[in-house]
């Protein structure tokens, strides 16, 4: 009991933050879809790191994007490019979750706790 109380007090005083995994993504698409893909990545909180022409004559877009935003990216990419785009992912690092999203997560968690009661 004392350990639990000490942990709760320590966590409250430590000002904890939520971290989320950030992924490196490389999207390879025909040139005519570049604008749509960049807009889509930006709408998913992605940060465009660069663009270059790939060996196949397509464009490669490199970005960093939160993992939470890309669980269904294969479907989105297929829809935007009519099946002509590909992507690859790898873990990059962790970043602090933005405050507005933290509030959404907390509200959802509280709502789920209320539903359990």
C-alpha atoms as a PDB file:
ATOM      1  CA  UNK A   1       0.000   0.000   0.000  1.00  0.00           C
ATOM      2  CA  UNK A   2       2.743   2.456   0.936  1.00  0.00           C
ATOM      3  CA  UNK A   3       4.694   1.602  -2.217  1.00  0.00           C
ATOM      4  CA  UNK A   4       1.632   2.214  -4.370  1.00  0.00           C
ATOM      5  CA  UNK A   5       0.976   5.563  -2.721  1.00  0.00           C
ATOM      6  CA  UNK A   6       4.625   6.577  -3.088  1.00  0.00           C
ATOM      7  CA  UNK A   7       4.613   5.649  -6.767  1.00  0.00           C
ATOM      8  CA  UNK A   8       1.454   7.667  -7.458  1.00  0.00           C
ATOM      9  CA  UNK A   9       2.840  10.693  -5.624  1.00  0.00           C
ATOM     10  CA  UNK A  10       6.223  10.433  -7.343  1.00  0.00           C
ATOM     11  CA  UNK A  11       4.638  10.100 -10.782  1.00  0.00           C
ATOM     12  CA  UNK A  12       2.467  13.162 -10.203  1.00  0.00           C
ATOM     13  CA  UNK A  13       5.434  15.268  -9.061  1.00  0.00           C
ATOM     14  CA  UNK A  14       7.714  14.104 -11.878  1.00  0.00           C
ATOM     15  CA  UNK A  15       5.564  15.690 -14.621  1.00  0.00           C
ATOM     16  CA  UNK A  16       5.446  12.561 -16.804  1.00  0.00           C
ATOM     17  CA  UNK A  17       5.079  12.823 -20.584  1.00  0.00           C
ATOM     18  CA  UNK A  18       3.747  10.430 -23.192  1.00  0.00           C
ATOM     19  CA  UNK A  19       6.176   9.314 -25.873  1.00  0.00           C
ATOM     20  CA  UNK A  20       5.292   7.885 -29.265  1.00  0.00           C
ATOM     21  CA  UNK A  21       7.404   5.940 -31.755  1.00  0.00           C
ATOM     22  CA  UNK A  22       8.438   7.915 -34.827  1.00  0.00           C
ATOM     23  CA  UNK A  23       9.077   5.980 -38.009  1.00  0.00           C
ATOM     24  CA  UNK A  24      11.230   6.713 -41.044  1.00  0.00           C
ATOM     25  CA  UNK A  25       9.030   6.223 -44.090  1.00  0.00           C
ATOM     26  CA  UNK A  26      10.039   6.167 -47.726  1.00  0.00           C
ATOM     27  CA  UNK A  27       7.199   6.391 -50.227  1.00  0.00           C
ATOM     28  CA  UNK A  28       7.915   5.687 -53.896  1.00  0.00           C
ATOM     29  CA  UNK A  29       5.289   6.970 -56.308  1.00  0.00           C
ATOM     30  CA  UNK A  30       4.917   8.178 -59.891  1.00  0.00           C
ATOM     31  CA  UNK A  31       5.540  11.931 -60.190  1.00  0.00           C
ATOM     32  CA  UNK A  32       1.887  12.781 -60.776  1.00  0.00           C
ATOM     33  CA  UNK A  33       0.995  11.693 -57.221  1.00  0.00           C
ATOM     34  CA  UNK A  34       3.701  13.691 -55.411  1.00  0.00           C
ATOM     35  CA  UNK A  35       1.430  16.518 -54.243  1.00  0.00           C
ATOM     36  CA  UNK A  36      -1.282  14.181 -53.001  1.00  0.00           C
ATOM     37  CA  UNK A  37       1.197  12.013 -51.090  1.00  0.00           C
ATOM     38  CA  UNK A  38       2.951  14.987 -49.487  1.00  0.00           C
ATOM     39  CA  UNK A  39      -0.423  16.401 -48.447  1.00  0.00           C
ATOM     40  CA  UNK A  40      -1.470  13.046 -47.011  1.00  0.00           C
ATOM     41  CA  UNK A  41       1.768  12.658 -45.031  1.00  0.00           C
ATOM     42  CA  UNK A  42       1.416  16.208 -43.682  1.00  0.00           C
ATOM     43  CA  UNK A  43      -2.179  15.497 -42.619  1.00  0.00           C
ATOM     44  CA  UNK A  44      -0.854  12.534 -40.615  1.00  0.00           C
ATOM     45  CA  UNK A  45       1.626  14.734 -38.684  1.00  0.00           C
ATOM     46  CA  UNK A  46       4.462  13.639 -40.976  1.00  0.00           C
ATOM     47  CA  UNK A  47       7.578  15.745 -41.503  1.00  0.00           C
ATOM     48  CA  UNK A  48       8.945  15.642 -45.041  1.00  0.00           C
ATOM     49  CA  UNK A  49      12.719  15.163 -44.893  1.00  0.00           C
ATOM     50  CA  UNK A  50      13.462  15.111 -48.603  1.00  0.00           C
ATOM     51  CA  UNK A  51      12.600  13.951 -52.088  1.00  0.00           C
ATOM     52  CA  UNK A  52      14.658  12.366 -54.825  1.00  0.00           C
ATOM     53  CA  UNK A  53      14.154  10.570 -58.091  1.00  0.00           C
ATOM     54  CA  UNK A  54      14.423   6.805 -57.781  1.00  0.00           C
ATOM     55  CA  UNK A  55      16.143   4.522 -60.270  1.00  0.00           C
ATOM     56  CA  UNK A  56      12.803   3.527 -61.814  1.00  0.00           C
ATOM     57  CA  UNK A  57      11.963   7.132 -62.712  1.00  0.00           C
ATOM     58  CA  UNK A  58       9.520   7.457 -59.839  1.00  0.00           C
ATOM     59  CA  UNK A  59       9.855   9.903 -56.950  1.00  0.00           C
ATOM     60  CA  UNK A  60      10.981   8.820 -53.483  1.00  0.00           C
ATOM     61  CA  UNK A  61       9.621  10.884 -50.591  1.00  0.00           C
ATOM     62  CA  UNK A  62      11.390  10.471 -47.258  1.00  0.00           C
ATOM     63  CA  UNK A  63       9.622  11.546 -44.088  1.00  0.00           C
ATOM     64  CA  UNK A  64       9.313  10.961 -40.364  1.00  0.00           C
ATOM     65  CA  UNK A  65       5.842  10.069 -39.154  1.00  0.00           C
ATOM     66  CA  UNK A  66       4.249   8.895 -35.879  1.00  0.00           C
ATOM     67  CA  UNK A  67       3.514   5.183 -35.924  1.00  0.00           C
ATOM     68  CA  UNK A  68      -0.022   5.796 -34.665  1.00  0.00           C
ATOM     69  CA  UNK A  69      -0.829   7.639 -37.892  1.00  0.00           C
ATOM     70  CA  UNK A  70       0.190   4.913 -40.349  1.00  0.00           C
ATOM     71  CA  UNK A  71      -1.455   1.676 -39.249  1.00  0.00           C
ATOM     72  CA  UNK A  72      -3.655   1.679 -42.370  1.00  0.00           C
ATOM     73  CA  UNK A  73      -1.256   3.509 -44.677  1.00  0.00           C
ATOM     74  CA  UNK A  74      -1.120   0.692 -47.238  1.00  0.00           C
ATOM     75  CA  UNK A  75      -4.833   1.191 -47.901  1.00  0.00           C
ATOM     76  CA  UNK A  76      -4.472   4.985 -48.109  1.00  0.00           C
ATOM     77  CA  UNK A  77      -1.490   4.767 -50.455  1.00  0.00           C
ATOM     78  CA  UNK A  78      -3.220   2.265 -52.713  1.00  0.00           C
ATOM     79  CA  UNK A  79      -6.260   4.534 -52.885  1.00  0.00           C
ATOM     80  CA  UNK A  80      -4.275   7.706 -53.650  1.00  0.00           C
ATOM     81  CA  UNK A  81      -1.968   6.150 -56.254  1.00  0.00           C
ATOM     82  CA  UNK A  82      -4.384   3.612 -57.756  1.00  0.00           C
ATOM     83  CA  UNK A  83      -2.048   0.848 -56.574  1.00  0.00           C
ATOM     84  CA  UNK A  84       1.085   2.329 -58.153  1.00  0.00           C
ATOM     85  CA  UNK A  85       2.891   3.415 -54.962  1.00  0.00           C
ATOM     86  CA  UNK A  86       4.997   1.521 -52.434  1.00  0.00           C
ATOM     87  CA  UNK A  87       6.419   2.382 -49.043  1.00  0.00           C
ATOM     88  CA  UNK A  88       8.839   1.066 -46.458  1.00  0.00           C
ATOM     89  CA  UNK A  89       9.101   1.794 -42.740  1.00  0.00           C
ATOM     90  CA  UNK A  90      11.715   1.531 -40.033  1.00  0.00           C
ATOM     91  CA  UNK A  91      11.829   2.763 -36.461  1.00  0.00           C
ATOM     92  CA  UNK A  92      13.619   6.080 -35.956  1.00  0.00           C
ATOM     93  CA  UNK A  93      13.145   7.360 -32.390  1.00  0.00           C
ATOM     94  CA  UNK A  94      10.632   8.418 -29.741  1.00  0.00           C
ATOM     95  CA  UNK A  95       9.136  11.913 -29.437  1.00  0.00           C
ATOM     96  CA  UNK A  96       6.826  13.566 -26.959  1.00  0.00           C
ATOM     97  CA  UNK A  97       3.163  13.384 -27.972  1.00  0.00           C
ATOM     98  CA  UNK A  98       1.708  16.855 -28.776  1.00  0.00           C
ATOM     99  CA  UNK A  99      -0.457  18.348 -26.003  1.00  0.00           C
ATOM    100  CA  UNK A 100      -3.709  18.295 -27.994  1.00  0.00           C
ATOM    101  CA  UNK A 101      -3.325  14.580 -28.697  1.00  0.00           C
ATOM    102  CA  UNK A 102      -2.387  13.869 -25.067  1.00  0.00           C
ATOM    103  CA  UNK A 103      -5.700  15.450 -24.044  1.00  0.00           C
ATOM    104  CA  UNK A 104      -7.569  13.193 -26.504  1.00  0.00           C
ATOM    105  CA  UNK A 105      -5.791  10.108 -25.144  1.00  0.00           C
ATOM    106  CA  UNK A 106      -6.565  11.065 -21.539  1.00  0.00           C
ATOM    107  CA  UNK A 107     -10.226  11.759 -22.344  1.00  0.00           C
ATOM    108  CA  UNK A 108     -10.563   8.425 -24.153  1.00  0.00           C
ATOM    109  CA  UNK A 109      -8.900   6.588 -21.264  1.00  0.00           C
ATOM    110  CA  UNK A 110     -11.221   8.216 -18.720  1.00  0.00           C
ATOM    111  CA  UNK A 111     -14.214   7.352 -20.891  1.00  0.00           C
ATOM    112  CA  UNK A 112     -13.130   3.705 -21.060  1.00  0.00           C
ATOM    113  CA  UNK A 113     -12.660   3.636 -17.277  1.00  0.00           C
ATOM    114  CA  UNK A 114     -16.187   5.008 -16.803  1.00  0.00           C
ATOM    115  CA  UNK A 115     -17.578   2.360 -19.159  1.00  0.00           C
ATOM    116  CA  UNK A 116     -15.968  -0.398 -17.056  1.00  0.00           C
ATOM    117  CA  UNK A 117     -17.790   0.759 -13.912  1.00  0.00           C
END
